[in-house]
Amino acid sequence: MSRNPPAQPNVLDQRCESRQALERVADKWTALVVYALLAGPRRHGELRRMIEGISQKMLTQTLRSMERDGLLERRVFDRIPPHVEYALTPLGTTLSEPLVAICQWAMEHLPEVQQARARHAERV
């Protein structure tokens, strides 16, 4: 009996698991964590101070999801008090170029977006 070869991933197909990967990398908190970890490993508290507006709960959830998906690693150092650091994995590092580009785009084009929003608000 011949089996069909596995279908190529297609994010436009609602049944394709690649959508889960897209959801992870398209999440704003993931993008900001990647951006914050580009300079090297950080502790939870450092990340929380760097990423303004993220709650402790959301940061913890994002870090756990990123670890599960192989984007970062959690390192526990045997110290008193315990010391935990988060660092991008090689897979997570592959996100640096596209996510940094998106972050830079957002900062660079903010005035244009604000103008478009203002024009839209006037029409509505």
C-alpha atoms as a PDB file:
ATOM      1  CA  MET A   1       0.000   0.000   0.000  1.00  0.00           C
ATOM      2  CA  SER A   2       1.529   3.358  -0.971  1.00  0.00           C
ATOM      3  CA  ARG A   3       1.221   6.311   1.319  1.00  0.00           C
ATOM      4  CA  ASN A   4       1.072   9.871   0.135  1.00  0.00           C
ATOM      5  CA  PRO A   5       4.119  11.918   1.045  1.00  0.00           C
ATOM      6  CA  PRO A   6       3.516  14.456   3.808  1.00  0.00           C
ATOM      7  CA  ALA A   7       2.079  17.696   2.524  1.00  0.00           C
ATOM      8  CA  GLN A   8       4.318  20.745   2.513  1.00  0.00           C
ATOM      9  CA  PRO A   9       3.581  23.126   5.392  1.00  0.00           C
ATOM     10  CA  ASN A  10       1.117  25.824   4.396  1.00  0.00           C
ATOM     11  CA  VAL A  11       0.172  28.545   6.892  1.00  0.00           C
ATOM     12  CA  LEU A  12      -2.897  29.371   4.814  1.00  0.00           C
ATOM     13  CA  ASP A  13      -4.302  25.894   5.553  1.00  0.00           C
ATOM     14  CA  GLN A  14      -6.187  26.104   8.848  1.00  0.00           C
ATOM     15  CA  ARG A  15      -5.311  22.476   9.620  1.00  0.00           C
ATOM     16  CA  CYS A  16      -1.575  22.974   9.175  1.00  0.00           C
ATOM     17  CA  GLU A  17       0.458  22.986  12.366  1.00  0.00           C
ATOM     18  CA  SER A  18       2.731  25.661  10.920  1.00  0.00           C
ATOM     19  CA  ARG A  19       0.068  28.108  12.103  1.00  0.00           C
ATOM     20  CA  GLN A  20       1.080  27.339  15.675  1.00  0.00           C
ATOM     21  CA  ALA A  21       4.652  28.324  14.863  1.00  0.00           C
ATOM     22  CA  LEU A  22       3.365  31.472  13.159  1.00  0.00           C
ATOM     23  CA  GLU A  23       1.255  32.336  16.206  1.00  0.00           C
ATOM     24  CA  ARG A  24       4.333  32.062  18.421  1.00  0.00           C
ATOM     25  CA  VAL A  25       6.629  34.213  16.284  1.00  0.00           C
ATOM     26  CA  ALA A  26       3.929  36.737  15.347  1.00  0.00           C
ATOM     27  CA  ASP A  27       3.120  37.389  19.017  1.00  0.00           C
ATOM     28  CA  LYS A  28       4.259  40.848  20.113  1.00  0.00           C
ATOM     29  CA  TRP A  29       5.608  39.580  23.438  1.00  0.00           C
ATOM     30  CA  THR A  30       7.728  36.953  21.656  1.00  0.00           C
ATOM     31  CA  ALA A  31       9.128  39.636  19.349  1.00  0.00           C
ATOM     32  CA  LEU A  32       9.983  41.851  22.313  1.00  0.00           C
ATOM     33  CA  VAL A  33      11.610  39.005  24.263  1.00  0.00           C
ATOM     34  CA  VAL A  34      13.746  38.112  21.229  1.00  0.00           C
ATOM     35  CA  TYR A  35      14.658  41.778  20.829  1.00  0.00           C
ATOM     36  CA  ALA A  36      15.606  42.017  24.519  1.00  0.00           C
ATOM     37  CA  LEU A  37      17.704  38.828  24.427  1.00  0.00           C
ATOM     38  CA  LEU A  38      19.779  39.848  21.411  1.00  0.00           C
ATOM     39  CA  ALA A  39      22.445  41.342  23.653  1.00  0.00           C
ATOM     40  CA  GLY A  40      22.749  38.118  25.627  1.00  0.00           C
ATOM     41  CA  PRO A  41      21.170  36.140  28.463  1.00  0.00           C
ATOM     42  CA  ARG A  42      18.859  37.948  30.868  1.00  0.00           C
ATOM     43  CA  ARG A  43      17.134  37.156  34.114  1.00  0.00           C
ATOM     44  CA  HIS A  44      13.340  37.277  34.446  1.00  0.00           C
ATOM     45  CA  GLY A  45      13.442  40.533  36.382  1.00  0.00           C
ATOM     46  CA  GLU A  46      15.745  42.159  33.842  1.00  0.00           C
ATOM     47  CA  LEU A  47      13.406  41.194  31.020  1.00  0.00           C
ATOM     48  CA  ARG A  48      10.407  42.517  32.914  1.00  0.00           C
ATOM     49  CA  ARG A  49      12.121  45.880  33.471  1.00  0.00           C
ATOM     50  CA  MET A  50      13.253  46.071  29.847  1.00  0.00           C
ATOM     51  CA  ILE A  51       9.884  45.167  28.315  1.00  0.00           C
ATOM     52  CA  GLU A  52       7.627  47.851  29.688  1.00  0.00           C
ATOM     53  CA  GLY A  53       3.962  46.924  29.993  1.00  0.00           C
ATOM     54  CA  ILE A  54       4.403  43.161  30.199  1.00  0.00           C
ATOM     55  CA  SER A  55       2.968  41.579  33.329  1.00  0.00           C
ATOM     56  CA  GLN A  56       4.899  38.997  35.295  1.00  0.00           C
ATOM     57  CA  LYS A  57       2.302  36.393  34.321  1.00  0.00           C
ATOM     58  CA  MET A  58       2.495  37.206  30.595  1.00  0.00           C
ATOM     59  CA  LEU A  59       6.297  37.217  30.635  1.00  0.00           C
ATOM     60  CA  THR A  60       6.353  33.838  32.374  1.00  0.00           C
ATOM     61  CA  GLN A  61       3.838  32.393  29.882  1.00  0.00           C
ATOM     62  CA  THR A  62       5.794  33.777  26.926  1.00  0.00           C
ATOM     63  CA  LEU A  63       9.108  32.431  28.237  1.00  0.00           C
ATOM     64  CA  ARG A  64       7.589  28.987  28.850  1.00  0.00           C
ATOM     65  CA  SER A  65       6.045  28.877  25.375  1.00  0.00           C
ATOM     66  CA  MET A  66       9.279  29.987  23.754  1.00  0.00           C
ATOM     67  CA  GLU A  67      11.206  27.355  25.716  1.00  0.00           C
ATOM     68  CA  ARG A  68       8.691  24.664  24.706  1.00  0.00           C
ATOM     69  CA  ASP A  69       9.048  25.682  21.056  1.00  0.00           C
ATOM     70  CA  GLY A  70      12.850  25.565  21.238  1.00  0.00           C
ATOM     71  CA  LEU A  71      13.360  29.330  20.846  1.00  0.00           C
ATOM     72  CA  LEU A  72      15.079  29.921  24.167  1.00  0.00           C
ATOM     73  CA  GLU A  73      16.708  27.993  26.922  1.00  0.00           C
ATOM     74  CA  ARG A  74      16.296  28.430  30.633  1.00  0.00           C
ATOM     75  CA  ARG A  75      19.517  28.016  32.594  1.00  0.00           C
ATOM     76  CA  VAL A  76      19.388  27.425  36.327  1.00  0.00           C
ATOM     77  CA  PHE A  77      22.557  28.213  38.254  1.00  0.00           C
ATOM     78  CA  ASP A  78      23.065  26.467  41.581  1.00  0.00           C
ATOM     79  CA  ARG A  79      23.439  29.494  43.821  1.00  0.00           C
ATOM     80  CA  ILE A  80      21.799  30.951  46.853  1.00  0.00           C
ATOM     81  CA  PRO A  81      19.472  32.531  46.009  1.00  0.00           C
ATOM     82  CA  PRO A  82      18.769  30.508  42.838  1.00  0.00           C
ATOM     83  CA  HIS A  83      19.787  32.258  39.632  1.00  0.00           C
ATOM     84  CA  VAL A  84      17.872  31.655  36.386  1.00  0.00           C
ATOM     85  CA  GLU A  85      18.780  33.114  33.002  1.00  0.00           C
ATOM     86  CA  TYR A  86      17.083  32.969  29.638  1.00  0.00           C
ATOM     87  CA  ALA A  87      18.992  32.929  26.370  1.00  0.00           C
ATOM     88  CA  LEU A  88      18.080  32.466  22.734  1.00  0.00           C
ATOM     89  CA  THR A  89      18.819  29.058  21.248  1.00  0.00           C
ATOM     90  CA  PRO A  90      20.286  28.781  17.750  1.00  0.00           C
ATOM     91  CA  LEU A  91      16.705  28.385  16.486  1.00  0.00           C
ATOM     92  CA  GLY A  92      15.593  31.466  18.425  1.00  0.00           C
ATOM     93  CA  THR A  93      18.522  33.417  17.031  1.00  0.00           C
ATOM     94  CA  THR A  94      17.205  32.767  13.505  1.00  0.00           C
ATOM     95  CA  LEU A  95      14.274  35.005  14.452  1.00  0.00           C
ATOM     96  CA  SER A  96      16.511  37.953  15.241  1.00  0.00           C
ATOM     97  CA  GLU A  97      16.766  39.304  11.709  1.00  0.00           C
ATOM     98  CA  PRO A  98      13.052  39.239  10.817  1.00  0.00           C
ATOM     99  CA  LEU A  99      11.818  40.319  14.254  1.00  0.00           C
ATOM    100  CA  VAL A 100      14.378  43.108  14.617  1.00  0.00           C
ATOM    101  CA  ALA A 101      13.352  44.290  11.153  1.00  0.00           C
ATOM    102  CA  ILE A 102       9.700  44.360  12.262  1.00  0.00           C
ATOM    103  CA  CYS A 103      10.557  46.223  15.490  1.00  0.00           C
ATOM    104  CA  GLN A 104      12.645  48.739  13.539  1.00  0.00           C
ATOM    105  CA  TRP A 105       9.864  49.119  10.961  1.00  0.00           C
ATOM    106  CA  ALA A 106       7.391  49.876  13.768  1.00  0.00           C
ATOM    107  CA  MET A 107       9.654  52.568  15.222  1.00  0.00           C
ATOM    108  CA  GLU A 108      10.616  54.051  11.843  1.00  0.00           C
ATOM    109  CA  HIS A 109       7.083  54.210  10.439  1.00  0.00           C
ATOM    110  CA  LEU A 110       5.282  55.242  13.625  1.00  0.00           C
ATOM    111  CA  PRO A 111       4.670  58.829  12.409  1.00  0.00           C
ATOM    112  CA  GLU A 112       3.066  57.547   9.192  1.00  0.00           C
ATOM    113  CA  VAL A 113       0.877  55.100  11.099  1.00  0.00           C
ATOM    114  CA  GLN A 114      -0.173  57.864  13.499  1.00  0.00           C
ATOM    115  CA  GLN A 115      -1.054  60.145  10.576  1.00  0.00           C
ATOM    116  CA  ALA A 116      -3.085  57.403   8.910  1.00  0.00           C
ATOM    117  CA  ARG A 117      -4.964  56.770  12.156  1.00  0.00           C
ATOM    118  CA  ALA A 118      -5.699  60.472  12.544  1.00  0.00           C
ATOM    119  CA  ARG A 119      -7.015  60.675   8.954  1.00  0.00           C
ATOM    120  CA  HIS A 120      -9.166  57.610   9.544  1.00  0.00           C
ATOM    121  CA  ALA A 121     -10.566  59.034  12.787  1.00  0.00           C
ATOM    122  CA  GLU A 122     -11.551  62.237  10.937  1.00  0.00           C
ATOM    123  CA  ARG A 123     -13.517  60.238   8.355  1.00  0.00           C
ATOM    124  CA  VAL A 124     -15.297  58.060  10.879  1.00  0.00           C
END
